[in-house]
PDB file of N, CA and C in Angstrom:
ATOM      1  N   UNK A   1      30.933 -34.638  34.762  1.00  0.00           N
ATOM      2  CA  UNK A   1      30.262 -35.096  33.565  1.00  0.00           C
ATOM      3  C   UNK A   1      29.979 -36.592  33.705  1.00  0.00           C
ATOM      4  N   UNK A   2      28.728 -36.971  33.476  1.00  0.00           N
ATOM      5  CA  UNK A   2      28.329 -38.373  33.585  1.00  0.00           C
ATOM      6  C   UNK A   2      28.680 -39.108  32.307  1.00  0.00           C
ATOM      7  N   UNK A   3      29.101 -40.354  32.497  1.00  0.00           N
ATOM      8  CA  UNK A   3      29.397 -41.197  31.351  1.00  0.00           C
ATOM      9  C   UNK A   3      28.152 -42.000  31.016  1.00  0.00           C
ATOM     10  N   UNK A   4      27.717 -41.924  29.780  1.00  0.00           N
ATOM     11  CA  UNK A   4      26.540 -42.649  29.334  1.00  0.00           C
ATOM     12  C   UNK A   4      27.001 -43.804  28.460  1.00  0.00           C
ATOM     13  N   UNK A   5      26.553 -44.990  28.837  1.00  0.00           N
ATOM     14  CA  UNK A   5      26.912 -46.180  28.064  1.00  0.00           C
ATOM     15  C   UNK A   5      26.204 -46.135  26.713  1.00  0.00           C
ATOM     16  N   UNK A   6      26.934 -46.362  25.641  1.00  0.00           N
ATOM     17  CA  UNK A   6      26.277 -46.393  24.337  1.00  0.00           C
ATOM     18  C   UNK A   6      25.391 -47.625  24.236  1.00  0.00           C
ATOM     19  N   UNK A   7      24.283 -47.487  23.512  1.00  0.00           N
ATOM     20  CA  UNK A   7      23.393 -48.617  23.309  1.00  0.00           C
ATOM     21  C   UNK A   7      24.062 -49.606  22.371  1.00  0.00           C
ATOM     22  N   UNK A   8      24.023 -50.831  22.759  1.00  0.00           N
ATOM     23  CA  UNK A   8      24.569 -51.865  21.887  1.00  0.00           C
ATOM     24  C   UNK A   8      23.407 -52.649  21.309  1.00  0.00           C
ATOM     25  N   UNK A   9      23.562 -53.012  20.074  1.00  0.00           N
ATOM     26  CA  UNK A   9      22.510 -53.762  19.410  1.00  0.00           C
ATOM     27  C   UNK A   9      22.606 -55.221  19.845  1.00  0.00           C
ATOM     28  N   UNK A  10      21.474 -55.745  20.306  1.00  0.00           N
ATOM     29  CA  UNK A  10      21.448 -57.139  20.736  1.00  0.00           C
ATOM     30  C   UNK A  10      21.234 -58.027  19.528  1.00  0.00           C
ATOM     31  N   UNK A  11      21.928 -59.129  19.528  1.00  0.00           N
ATOM     32  CA  UNK A  11      21.692 -60.103  18.469  1.00  0.00           C
ATOM     33  C   UNK A  11      20.620 -61.073  18.951  1.00  0.00           C
ATOM     34  N   UNK A  12      20.083 -61.837  18.034  1.00  0.00           N
ATOM     35  CA  UNK A  12      19.048 -62.808  18.384  1.00  0.00           C
ATOM     36  C   UNK A  12      19.582 -63.814  19.391  1.00  0.00           C
ATOM     37  N   UNK A  13      20.891 -64.080  19.357  1.00  0.00           N
ATOM     38  CA  UNK A  13      21.491 -65.058  20.270  1.00  0.00           C
ATOM     39  C   UNK A  13      21.480 -64.570  21.719  1.00  0.00           C
ATOM     40  N   UNK A  14      21.251 -63.269  21.939  1.00  0.00           N
ATOM     41  CA  UNK A  14      21.216 -62.721  23.292  1.00  0.00           C
ATOM     42  C   UNK A  14      19.919 -63.052  24.012  1.00  0.00           C
ATOM     43  N   UNK A  15      18.955 -63.607  23.311  1.00  0.00           N
ATOM     44  CA  UNK A  15      17.661 -63.935  23.900  1.00  0.00           C
ATOM     45  C   UNK A  15      17.577 -65.438  24.148  1.00  0.00           C
ATOM     46  N   UNK A  16      16.888 -65.831  25.222  1.00  0.00           N
ATOM     47  CA  UNK A  16      16.755 -67.264  25.500  1.00  0.00           C
ATOM     48  C   UNK A  16      16.065 -67.995  24.343  1.00  0.00           C
ATOM     49  N   UNK A  17      16.437 -69.244  24.159  1.00  0.00           N
ATOM     50  CA  UNK A  17      15.885 -70.042  23.055  1.00  0.00           C
ATOM     51  C   UNK A  17      14.360 -70.085  23.091  1.00  0.00           C
ATOM     52  N   UNK A  18      13.714 -70.296  24.259  1.00  0.00           N
ATOM     53  CA  UNK A  18      12.243 -70.311  24.254  1.00  0.00           C
ATOM     54  C   UNK A  18      11.624 -68.989  23.780  1.00  0.00           C
ATOM     55  N   UNK A  19      12.300 -67.873  24.090  1.00  0.00           N
ATOM     56  CA  UNK A  19      11.812 -66.569  23.636  1.00  0.00           C
ATOM     57  C   UNK A  19      11.913 -66.472  22.118  1.00  0.00           C
ATOM     58  N   UNK A  20      13.054 -66.893  21.579  1.00  0.00           N
ATOM     59  CA  UNK A  20      13.231 -66.844  20.120  1.00  0.00           C
ATOM     60  C   UNK A  20      12.212 -67.725  19.420  1.00  0.00           C
ATOM     61  N   UNK A  21      11.961 -68.917  19.981  1.00  0.00           N
ATOM     62  CA  UNK A  21      10.979 -69.825  19.372  1.00  0.00           C
ATOM     63  C   UNK A  21       9.578 -69.231  19.411  1.00  0.00           C
ATOM     64  N   UNK A  22       9.226 -68.635  20.560  1.00  0.00           N
ATOM     65  CA  UNK A  22       7.894 -68.052  20.704  1.00  0.00           C
ATOM     66  C   UNK A  22       7.697 -66.899  19.721  1.00  0.00           C
ATOM     67  N   UNK A  23       8.711 -66.055  19.561  1.00  0.00           N
ATOM     68  CA  UNK A  23       8.605 -64.941  18.617  1.00  0.00           C
ATOM     69  C   UNK A  23       8.536 -65.434  17.175  1.00  0.00           C
ATOM     70  N   UNK A  24       9.288 -66.486  16.873  1.00  0.00           N
ATOM     71  CA  UNK A  24       9.243 -67.048  15.526  1.00  0.00           C
ATOM     72  C   UNK A  24       7.847 -67.598  15.230  1.00  0.00           C
ATOM     73  N   UNK A  25       7.277 -68.298  16.199  1.00  0.00           N
ATOM     74  CA  UNK A  25       5.921 -68.831  16.043  1.00  0.00           C
ATOM     75  C   UNK A  25       4.912 -67.696  15.897  1.00  0.00           C
ATOM     76  N   UNK A  26       5.055 -66.655  16.717  1.00  0.00           N
ATOM     77  CA  UNK A  26       4.157 -65.500  16.620  1.00  0.00           C
ATOM     78  C   UNK A  26       4.263 -64.869  15.240  1.00  0.00           C
ATOM     79  N   UNK A  27       5.471 -64.683  14.760  1.00  0.00           N
ATOM     80  CA  UNK A  27       5.672 -64.097  13.435  1.00  0.00           C
ATOM     81  C   UNK A  27       5.030 -64.928  12.336  1.00  0.00           C
ATOM     82  N   UNK A  28       5.203 -66.241  12.417  1.00  0.00           N
ATOM     83  CA  UNK A  28       4.593 -67.117  11.411  1.00  0.00           C
ATOM     84  C   UNK A  28       3.071 -67.062  11.488  1.00  0.00           C
ATOM     85  N   UNK A  29       2.540 -67.013  12.709  1.00  0.00           N
ATOM     86  CA  UNK A  29       1.088 -66.919  12.872  1.00  0.00           C
ATOM     87  C   UNK A  29       0.545 -65.608  12.318  1.00  0.00           C
ATOM     88  N   UNK A  30       1.280 -64.524  12.545  1.00  0.00           N
ATOM     89  CA  UNK A  30       0.852 -63.228  12.005  1.00  0.00           C
ATOM     90  C   UNK A  30       0.900 -63.231  10.480  1.00  0.00           C
ATOM     91  N   UNK A  31       1.950 -63.822   9.913  1.00  0.00           N
ATOM     92  CA  UNK A  31       2.052 -63.926   8.456  1.00  0.00           C
ATOM     93  C   UNK A  31       0.892 -64.754   7.899  1.00  0.00           C
ATOM     94  N   UNK A  32       0.601 -65.888   8.539  1.00  0.00           N
ATOM     95  CA  UNK A  32      -0.497 -66.740   8.090  1.00  0.00           C
ATOM     96  C   UNK A  32      -1.835 -66.020   8.188  1.00  0.00           C
ATOM     97  N   UNK A  33      -2.040 -65.266   9.264  1.00  0.00           N
ATOM     98  CA  UNK A  33      -3.288 -64.509   9.434  1.00  0.00           C
ATOM     99  C   UNK A  33      -3.424 -63.452   8.335  1.00  0.00           C
ATOM    100  N   UNK A  34      -2.318 -62.789   8.015  1.00  0.00           N
ATOM    101  CA  UNK A  34      -2.343 -61.784   6.945  1.00  0.00           C
ATOM    102  C   UNK A  34      -2.682 -62.439   5.615  1.00  0.00           C
ATOM    103  N   UNK A  35      -2.056 -63.564   5.330  1.00  0.00           N
ATOM    104  CA  UNK A  35      -2.292 -64.258   4.053  1.00  0.00           C
ATOM    105  C   UNK A  35      -3.724 -64.779   3.956  1.00  0.00           C
ATOM    106  N   UNK A  36      -4.253 -65.323   5.061  1.00  0.00           N
ATOM    107  CA  UNK A  36      -5.638 -65.801   5.038  1.00  0.00           C
ATOM    108  C   UNK A  36      -6.613 -64.683   4.724  1.00  0.00           C
ATOM    109  N   UNK A  37      -6.261 -63.481   5.153  1.00  0.00           N
ATOM    110  CA  UNK A  37      -7.109 -62.317   4.892  1.00  0.00           C
ATOM    111  C   UNK A  37      -6.845 -61.705   3.519  1.00  0.00           C
ATOM    112  N   UNK A  38      -5.900 -62.304   2.785  1.00  0.00           N
ATOM    113  CA  UNK A  38      -5.537 -61.833   1.432  1.00  0.00           C
ATOM    114  C   UNK A  38      -5.081 -60.363   1.448  1.00  0.00           C
ATOM    115  N   UNK A  39      -4.245 -60.048   2.466  1.00  0.00           N
ATOM    116  CA  UNK A  39      -3.716 -58.684   2.598  1.00  0.00           C
ATOM    117  C   UNK A  39      -2.256 -58.706   2.157  1.00  0.00           C
ATOM    118  N   UNK A  40      -1.897 -57.817   1.248  1.00  0.00           N
ATOM    119  CA  UNK A  40      -0.505 -57.736   0.791  1.00  0.00           C
ATOM    120  C   UNK A  40       0.366 -57.126   1.889  1.00  0.00           C
ATOM    121  N   UNK A  41       1.676 -57.323   1.767  1.00  0.00           N
ATOM    122  CA  UNK A  41       2.591 -56.750   2.756  1.00  0.00           C
ATOM    123  C   UNK A  41       2.535 -55.223   2.736  1.00  0.00           C
ATOM    124  N   UNK A  42       2.369 -54.654   1.550  1.00  0.00           N
ATOM    125  CA  UNK A  42       2.302 -53.192   1.441  1.00  0.00           C
ATOM    126  C   UNK A  42       1.085 -52.646   2.196  1.00  0.00           C
ATOM    127  N   UNK A  43      -0.074 -53.251   1.962  1.00  0.00           N
ATOM    128  CA  UNK A  43      -1.299 -52.791   2.625  1.00  0.00           C
ATOM    129  C   UNK A  43      -1.206 -53.027   4.134  1.00  0.00           C
ATOM    130  N   UNK A  44      -0.697 -54.186   4.514  1.00  0.00           N
ATOM    131  CA  UNK A  44      -0.569 -54.502   5.944  1.00  0.00           C
ATOM    132  C   UNK A  44       0.335 -53.503   6.642  1.00  0.00           C
ATOM    133  N   UNK A  45       1.464 -53.195   6.019  1.00  0.00           N
ATOM    134  CA  UNK A  45       2.396 -52.227   6.604  1.00  0.00           C
ATOM    135  C   UNK A  45       1.728 -50.862   6.754  1.00  0.00           C
ATOM    136  N   UNK A  46       0.975 -50.452   5.758  1.00  0.00           N
ATOM    137  CA  UNK A  46       0.272 -49.163   5.833  1.00  0.00           C
ATOM    138  C   UNK A  46      -0.750 -49.166   6.960  1.00  0.00           C
ATOM    139  N   UNK A  47      -1.525 -50.250   7.064  1.00  0.00           N
ATOM    140  CA  UNK A  47      -2.556 -50.329   8.110  1.00  0.00           C
ATOM    141  C   UNK A  47      -1.936 -50.347   9.506  1.00  0.00           C
ATOM    142  N   UNK A  48      -0.764 -50.927   9.635  1.00  0.00           N
ATOM    143  CA  UNK A  48      -0.092 -51.011  10.933  1.00  0.00           C
ATOM    144  C   UNK A  48       0.821 -49.815  11.190  1.00  0.00           C
ATOM    145  N   UNK A  49       0.906 -48.904  10.238  1.00  0.00           N
ATOM    146  CA  UNK A  49       1.752 -47.707  10.351  1.00  0.00           C
ATOM    147  C   UNK A  49       3.216 -48.063  10.575  1.00  0.00           C
ATOM    148  N   UNK A  50       3.689 -49.060   9.834  1.00  0.00           N
ATOM    149  CA  UNK A  50       5.088 -49.469   9.899  1.00  0.00           C
ATOM    150  C   UNK A  50       5.605 -49.644   8.477  1.00  0.00           C
ATOM    151  N   UNK A  51       6.903 -49.841   8.344  1.00  0.00           N
ATOM    152  CA  UNK A  51       7.477 -50.069   7.019  1.00  0.00           C
ATOM    153  C   UNK A  51       7.337 -51.541   6.642  1.00  0.00           C
ATOM    154  N   UNK A  52       7.479 -51.821   5.356  1.00  0.00           N
ATOM    155  CA  UNK A  52       7.449 -53.217   4.911  1.00  0.00           C
ATOM    156  C   UNK A  52       8.615 -53.992   5.498  1.00  0.00           C
ATOM    157  N   UNK A  53       9.740 -53.331   5.687  1.00  0.00           N
ATOM    158  CA  UNK A  53      10.905 -53.977   6.292  1.00  0.00           C
ATOM    159  C   UNK A  53      10.585 -54.419   7.721  1.00  0.00           C
ATOM    160  N   UNK A  54       9.949 -53.528   8.489  1.00  0.00           N
ATOM    161  CA  UNK A  54       9.577 -53.869   9.862  1.00  0.00           C
ATOM    162  C   UNK A  54       8.562 -55.003   9.871  1.00  0.00           C
ATOM    163  N   UNK A  55       7.606 -54.972   8.963  1.00  0.00           N
ATOM    164  CA  UNK A  55       6.631 -56.061   8.867  1.00  0.00           C
ATOM    165  C   UNK A  55       7.343 -57.379   8.576  1.00  0.00           C
ATOM    166  N   UNK A  56       8.307 -57.346   7.686  1.00  0.00           N
ATOM    167  CA  UNK A  56       9.067 -58.547   7.360  1.00  0.00           C
ATOM    168  C   UNK A  56       9.786 -59.079   8.594  1.00  0.00           C
ATOM    169  N   UNK A  57      10.378 -58.183   9.367  1.00  0.00           N
ATOM    170  CA  UNK A  57      11.075 -58.588  10.593  1.00  0.00           C
ATOM    171  C   UNK A  57      10.104 -59.192  11.598  1.00  0.00           C
ATOM    172  N   UNK A  58       8.916 -58.609  11.707  1.00  0.00           N
ATOM    173  CA  UNK A  58       7.891 -59.137  12.612  1.00  0.00           C
ATOM    174  C   UNK A  58       7.496 -60.549  12.184  1.00  0.00           C
ATOM    175  N   UNK A  59       7.257 -60.719  10.894  1.00  0.00           N
ATOM    176  CA  UNK A  59       6.826 -62.023  10.389  1.00  0.00           C
ATOM    177  C   UNK A  59       7.931 -63.074  10.495  1.00  0.00           C
ATOM    178  N   UNK A  60       9.173 -62.628  10.645  1.00  0.00           N
ATOM    179  CA  UNK A  60      10.285 -63.555  10.869  1.00  0.00           C
ATOM    180  C   UNK A  60      10.536 -63.782  12.356  1.00  0.00           C
ATOM    181  N   UNK A  61       9.829 -63.029  13.205  1.00  0.00           N
ATOM    182  CA  UNK A  61       9.980 -63.183  14.651  1.00  0.00           C
ATOM    183  C   UNK A  61      11.216 -62.531  15.218  1.00  0.00           C
ATOM    184  N   UNK A  62      11.660 -61.454  14.606  1.00  0.00           N
ATOM    185  CA  UNK A  62      12.854 -60.748  15.087  1.00  0.00           C
ATOM    186  C   UNK A  62      12.595 -60.173  16.482  1.00  0.00           C
ATOM    187  N   UNK A  63      13.464 -60.482  17.459  1.00  0.00           N
ATOM    188  CA  UNK A  63      13.248 -59.988  18.818  1.00  0.00           C
ATOM    189  C   UNK A  63      13.543 -58.501  18.998  1.00  0.00           C
ATOM    190  N   UNK A  64      14.253 -57.880  18.072  1.00  0.00           N
ATOM    191  CA  UNK A  64      14.605 -56.477  18.231  1.00  0.00           C
ATOM    192  C   UNK A  64      13.517 -55.504  17.832  1.00  0.00           C
ATOM    193  N   UNK A  65      12.416 -55.996  17.289  1.00  0.00           N
ATOM    194  CA  UNK A  65      11.321 -55.123  16.871  1.00  0.00           C
ATOM    195  C   UNK A  65      10.515 -54.727  18.109  1.00  0.00           C
ATOM    196  N   UNK A  66      10.178 -53.449  18.207  1.00  0.00           N
ATOM    197  CA  UNK A  66       9.433 -52.947  19.366  1.00  0.00           C
ATOM    198  C   UNK A  66       8.088 -53.651  19.492  1.00  0.00           C
ATOM    199  N   UNK A  67       7.699 -53.918  20.724  1.00  0.00           N
ATOM    200  CA  UNK A  67       6.439 -54.607  20.969  1.00  0.00           C
ATOM    201  C   UNK A  67       5.251 -53.794  20.453  1.00  0.00           C
ATOM    202  N   UNK A  68       5.402 -52.468  20.415  1.00  0.00           N
ATOM    203  CA  UNK A  68       4.335 -51.631  19.879  1.00  0.00           C
ATOM    204  C   UNK A  68       4.063 -51.922  18.414  1.00  0.00           C
ATOM    205  N   UNK A  69       5.104 -52.271  17.672  1.00  0.00           N
ATOM    206  CA  UNK A  69       4.915 -52.614  16.266  1.00  0.00           C
ATOM    207  C   UNK A  69       4.194 -53.950  16.126  1.00  0.00           C
ATOM    208  N   UNK A  70       4.531 -54.906  16.986  1.00  0.00           N
ATOM    209  CA  UNK A  70       3.786 -56.169  16.998  1.00  0.00           C
ATOM    210  C   UNK A  70       2.308 -55.879  17.315  1.00  0.00           C
ATOM    211  N   UNK A  71       2.068 -54.999  18.293  1.00  0.00           N
ATOM    212  CA  UNK A  71       0.702 -54.651  18.687  1.00  0.00           C
ATOM    213  C   UNK A  71      -0.052 -53.995  17.533  1.00  0.00           C
ATOM    214  N   UNK A  72       0.621 -53.137  16.763  1.00  0.00           N
ATOM    215  CA  UNK A  72      -0.029 -52.494  15.618  1.00  0.00           C
ATOM    216  C   UNK A  72      -0.459 -53.522  14.577  1.00  0.00           C
ATOM    217  N   UNK A  73       0.368 -54.523  14.355  1.00  0.00           N
ATOM    218  CA  UNK A  73       0.029 -55.580  13.394  1.00  0.00           C
ATOM    219  C   UNK A  73      -1.155 -56.388  13.912  1.00  0.00           C
ATOM    220  N   UNK A  74      -1.127 -56.735  15.193  1.00  0.00           N
ATOM    221  CA  UNK A  74      -2.251 -57.458  15.786  1.00  0.00           C
ATOM    222  C   UNK A  74      -3.547 -56.654  15.644  1.00  0.00           C
ATOM    223  N   UNK A  75      -3.466 -55.353  15.877  1.00  0.00           N
ATOM    224  CA  UNK A  75      -4.638 -54.485  15.749  1.00  0.00           C
ATOM    225  C   UNK A  75      -5.138 -54.464  14.310  1.00  0.00           C
ATOM    226  N   UNK A  76      -4.227 -54.325  13.373  1.00  0.00           N
ATOM    227  CA  UNK A  76      -4.613 -54.270  11.963  1.00  0.00           C
ATOM    228  C   UNK A  76      -5.268 -55.572  11.503  1.00  0.00           C
ATOM    229  N   UNK A  77      -4.925 -56.669  12.154  1.00  0.00           N
ATOM    230  CA  UNK A  77      -5.515 -57.968  11.813  1.00  0.00           C
ATOM    231  C   UNK A  77      -6.784 -58.261  12.616  1.00  0.00           C
ATOM    232  N   UNK A  78      -7.119 -57.368  13.542  1.00  0.00           N
ATOM    233  CA  UNK A  78      -8.287 -57.588  14.384  1.00  0.00           C
ATOM    234  C   UNK A  78      -8.016 -58.555  15.528  1.00  0.00           C
ATOM    235  N   UNK A  79      -6.750 -58.726  15.875  1.00  0.00           N
ATOM    236  CA  UNK A  79      -6.364 -59.670  16.917  1.00  0.00           C
ATOM    237  C   UNK A  79      -5.865 -58.991  18.190  1.00  0.00           C
ATOM    238  N   UNK A  80      -6.054 -57.693  18.318  1.00  0.00           N
ATOM    239  CA  UNK A  80      -5.537 -56.947  19.468  1.00  0.00           C
ATOM    240  C   UNK A  80      -6.101 -57.400  20.812  1.00  0.00           C
ATOM    241  N   UNK A  81      -7.365 -57.850  20.897  1.00  0.00           N
ATOM    242  CA  UNK A  81      -7.848 -58.282  22.219  1.00  0.00           C
ATOM    243  C   UNK A  81      -6.995 -59.392  22.833  1.00  0.00           C
ATOM    244  N   UNK A  82      -6.382 -60.222  22.020  1.00  0.00           N
ATOM    245  CA  UNK A  82      -5.518 -61.272  22.536  1.00  0.00           C
ATOM    246  C   UNK A  82      -4.267 -60.727  23.193  1.00  0.00           C
ATOM    247  N   UNK A  83      -3.845 -59.551  22.792  1.00  0.00           N
ATOM    248  CA  UNK A  83      -2.646 -58.941  23.358  1.00  0.00           C
ATOM    249  C   UNK A  83      -2.835 -58.638  24.840  1.00  0.00           C
ATOM    250  N   UNK A  84      -4.008 -58.185  25.210  1.00  0.00           N
ATOM    251  CA  UNK A  84      -4.276 -57.853  26.610  1.00  0.00           C
ATOM    252  C   UNK A  84      -4.280 -59.090  27.500  1.00  0.00           C
ATOM    253  N   UNK A  85      -4.451 -60.256  26.918  1.00  0.00           N
ATOM    254  CA  UNK A  85      -4.523 -61.490  27.698  1.00  0.00           C
ATOM    255  C   UNK A  85      -3.158 -62.172  27.868  1.00  0.00           C
ATOM    256  N   UNK A  86      -2.109 -61.612  27.271  1.00  0.00           N
ATOM    257  CA  UNK A  86      -0.798 -62.265  27.314  1.00  0.00           C
ATOM    258  C   UNK A  86      -0.302 -62.533  28.728  1.00  0.00           C
ATOM    259  N   UNK A  87      -0.440 -61.584  29.606  1.00  0.00           N
ATOM    260  CA  UNK A  87       0.053 -61.745  30.975  1.00  0.00           C
ATOM    261  C   UNK A  87      -1.093 -61.568  31.966  1.00  0.00           C
ATOM    262  N   UNK A  88      -2.255 -62.089  31.630  1.00  0.00           N
ATOM    263  CA  UNK A  88      -3.437 -61.982  32.473  1.00  0.00           C
ATOM    264  C   UNK A  88      -3.156 -62.625  33.828  1.00  0.00           C
ATOM    265  N   UNK A  89      -3.281 -61.852  34.896  1.00  0.00           N
ATOM    266  CA  UNK A  89      -2.965 -62.359  36.231  1.00  0.00           C
ATOM    267  C   UNK A  89      -3.895 -63.490  36.647  1.00  0.00           C
ATOM    268  N   UNK A  90      -5.082 -63.541  36.076  1.00  0.00           N
ATOM    269  CA  UNK A  90      -6.010 -64.623  36.415  1.00  0.00           C
ATOM    270  C   UNK A  90      -5.561 -65.957  35.833  1.00  0.00           C
ATOM    271  N   UNK A  91      -4.665 -65.913  34.849  1.00  0.00           N
ATOM    272  CA  UNK A  91      -4.149 -67.121  34.217  1.00  0.00           C
ATOM    273  C   UNK A  91      -2.741 -67.473  34.703  1.00  0.00           C
ATOM    274  N   UNK A  92      -2.219 -66.709  35.648  1.00  0.00           N
ATOM    275  CA  UNK A  92      -0.865 -66.909  36.171  1.00  0.00           C
ATOM    276  C   UNK A  92      -0.908 -67.896  37.328  1.00  0.00           C
ATOM    277  N   UNK A  93      -0.837 -69.183  37.021  1.00  0.00           N
ATOM    278  CA  UNK A  93      -0.967 -70.227  38.042  1.00  0.00           C
ATOM    279  C   UNK A  93       0.087 -70.091  39.136  1.00  0.00           C
ATOM    280  N   UNK A  94       1.340 -69.894  38.760  1.00  0.00           N
ATOM    281  CA  UNK A  94       2.404 -69.773  39.751  1.00  0.00           C
ATOM    282  C   UNK A  94       2.202 -68.532  40.615  1.00  0.00           C
ATOM    283  N   UNK A  95       1.888 -67.411  39.986  1.00  0.00           N
ATOM    284  CA  UNK A  95       1.661 -66.176  40.734  1.00  0.00           C
ATOM    285  C   UNK A  95       0.503 -66.303  41.712  1.00  0.00           C
ATOM    286  N   UNK A  96      -0.569 -66.940  41.281  1.00  0.00           N
ATOM    287  CA  UNK A  96      -1.717 -67.137  42.165  1.00  0.00           C
ATOM    288  C   UNK A  96      -1.366 -68.058  43.331  1.00  0.00           C
ATOM    289  N   UNK A  97      -0.581 -69.091  43.053  1.00  0.00           N
ATOM    290  CA  UNK A  97      -0.168 -70.011  44.115  1.00  0.00           C
ATOM    291  C   UNK A  97       0.711 -69.298  45.137  1.00  0.00           C
ATOM    292  N   UNK A  98       1.673 -68.525  44.649  1.00  0.00           N
ATOM    293  CA  UNK A  98       2.557 -67.789  45.559  1.00  0.00           C
ATOM    294  C   UNK A  98       1.791 -66.740  46.338  1.00  0.00           C
ATOM    295  N   UNK A  99       0.842 -66.088  45.698  1.00  0.00           N
ATOM    296  CA  UNK A  99       0.032 -65.072  46.360  1.00  0.00           C
ATOM    297  C   UNK A  99      -0.795 -65.711  47.472  1.00  0.00           C
ATOM    298  N   UNK A 100      -1.328 -66.894  47.218  1.00  0.00           N
ATOM    299  CA  UNK A 100      -2.127 -67.592  48.216  1.00  0.00           C
ATOM    300  C   UNK A 100      -1.329 -67.988  49.432  1.00  0.00           C
ATOM    301  N   UNK A 101      -0.047 -68.278  49.246  1.00  0.00           N
ATOM    302  CA  UNK A 101       0.809 -68.657  50.367  1.00  0.00           C
ATOM    303  C   UNK A 101       1.100 -67.483  51.287  1.00  0.00           C
ATOM    304  N   UNK A 102       1.009 -66.278  50.791  1.00  0.00           N
ATOM    305  CA  UNK A 102       1.392 -65.114  51.574  1.00  0.00           C
ATOM    306  C   UNK A 102       0.210 -64.406  52.217  1.00  0.00           C
ATOM    307  N   UNK A 103      -0.982 -64.963  52.114  1.00  0.00           N
ATOM    308  CA  UNK A 103      -2.126 -64.336  52.750  1.00  0.00           C
ATOM    309  C   UNK A 103      -1.980 -64.438  54.264  1.00  0.00           C
ATOM    310  N   UNK A 104      -2.364 -63.400  54.967  1.00  0.00           N
ATOM    311  CA  UNK A 104      -2.234 -63.447  56.425  1.00  0.00           C
ATOM    312  C   UNK A 104      -3.198 -64.479  57.016  1.00  0.00           C
ATOM    313  N   UNK A 105      -2.780 -65.066  58.147  1.00  0.00           N
ATOM    314  CA  UNK A 105      -3.628 -66.048  58.820  1.00  0.00           C
ATOM    315  C   UNK A 105      -4.809 -65.367  59.505  1.00  0.00           C
ATOM    316  N   UNK A 106      -4.559 -64.194  60.066  1.00  0.00           N
ATOM    317  CA  UNK A 106      -5.617 -63.427  60.731  1.00  0.00           C
ATOM    318  C   UNK A 106      -5.549 -61.987  60.254  1.00  0.00           C
ATOM    319  N   UNK A 107      -6.681 -61.384  60.250  1.00  0.00           N
ATOM    320  CA  UNK A 107      -6.738 -59.961  59.928  1.00  0.00           C
ATOM    321  C   UNK A 107      -7.280 -59.262  61.159  1.00  0.00           C
ATOM    322  N   UNK A 108      -6.464 -58.380  61.696  1.00  0.00           N
ATOM    323  CA  UNK A 108      -6.864 -57.665  62.912  1.00  0.00           C
ATOM    324  C   UNK A 108      -7.472 -56.328  62.539  1.00  0.00           C
ATOM    325  N   UNK A 109      -8.505 -56.003  63.241  1.00  0.00           N
ATOM    326  CA  UNK A 109      -9.159 -54.720  63.022  1.00  0.00           C
ATOM    327  C   UNK A 109      -8.326 -53.631  63.688  1.00  0.00           C
ATOM    328  N   UNK A 110      -8.119 -52.574  62.958  1.00  0.00           N
ATOM    329  CA  UNK A 110      -7.351 -51.471  63.518  1.00  0.00           C
ATOM    330  C   UNK A 110      -8.210 -50.745  64.535  1.00  0.00           C
ATOM    331  N   UNK A 111      -7.608 -50.478  65.684  1.00  0.00           N
ATOM    332  CA  UNK A 111      -8.341 -49.738  66.706  1.00  0.00           C
ATOM    333  C   UNK A 111      -7.950 -48.276  66.605  1.00  0.00           C
ATOM    334  N   UNK A 112      -8.916 -47.399  66.817  1.00  0.00           N
ATOM    335  CA  UNK A 112      -8.576 -45.965  66.738  1.00  0.00           C
ATOM    336  C   UNK A 112      -7.625 -45.604  67.867  1.00  0.00           C
ATOM    337  N   UNK A 113      -6.760 -44.616  67.654  1.00  0.00           N
ATOM    338  CA  UNK A 113      -5.820 -44.212  68.711  1.00  0.00           C
ATOM    339  C   UNK A 113      -6.590 -43.688  69.925  1.00  0.00           C
ATOM    340  N   UNK A 114      -6.061 -43.996  71.106  1.00  0.00           N
ATOM    341  CA  UNK A 114      -6.711 -43.536  72.330  1.00  0.00           C
ATOM    342  C   UNK A 114      -6.489 -42.052  72.523  1.00  0.00           C
ATOM    343  N   UNK A 115      -7.521 -41.425  73.034  1.00  0.00           N
ATOM    344  CA  UNK A 115      -7.424 -39.994  73.334  1.00  0.00           C
ATOM    345  C   UNK A 115      -6.709 -39.830  74.670  1.00  0.00           C
ATOM    346  N   UNK A 116      -5.864 -38.838  74.752  1.00  0.00           N
ATOM    347  CA  UNK A 116      -5.164 -38.557  76.005  1.00  0.00           C
ATOM    348  C   UNK A 116      -6.148 -37.965  76.987  1.00  0.00           C
ATOM    349  N   UNK A 117      -6.041 -38.362  78.269  1.00  0.00           N
ATOM    350  CA  UNK A 117      -6.929 -37.833  79.303  1.00  0.00           C
ATOM    351  C   UNK A 117      -6.540 -36.412  79.624  1.00  0.00           C
ATOM    352  N   UNK A 118      -7.510 -35.641  80.067  1.00  0.00           N
ATOM    353  CA  UNK A 118      -7.262 -34.259  80.447  1.00  0.00           C
ATOM    354  C   UNK A 118      -6.277 -34.192  81.609  1.00  0.00           C
ATOM    355  N   UNK A 119      -5.359 -33.300  81.552  1.00  0.00           N
ATOM    356  CA  UNK A 119      -4.405 -33.083  82.629  1.00  0.00           C
ATOM    357  C   UNK A 119      -3.157 -33.938  82.520  1.00  0.00           C
ATOM    358  N   UNK A 120      -3.079 -34.843  81.551  1.00  0.00           N
ATOM    359  CA  UNK A 120      -1.868 -35.649  81.399  1.00  0.00           C
ATOM    360  C   UNK A 120      -0.980 -35.009  80.366  1.00  0.00           C
ATOM    361  N   UNK A 121       0.302 -35.105  80.561  1.00  0.00           N
ATOM    362  CA  UNK A 121       1.248 -34.562  79.607  1.00  0.00           C
ATOM    363  C   UNK A 121       2.179 -35.634  79.136  1.00  0.00           C
TER     364      UNK A 121
END
């Protein structure tokens, strides 16, 4: 019988400070976007297919909320295209630099395998 580790609930302190700050800023920006559009929390939650409690957690930047729920809120606000750009490889300066360092110096053309001559074993 396999032992399965029970899931433990992570506290906000389990996440790095920059992550917590970024989520808090995202939550505040989402709240501000909702308010600018004059959308109530009830309507926003319905449009995003989440509960008002979950919306409140998102707007507070809670790290335990599933990213899909954040995506639903972005979609309901018309901001979903920005989600696809979060980890755009074309904007990854470090990744592009590291990738450039690993390019081969020469590229050799593959030669087809030689056919065995008749009578050789």
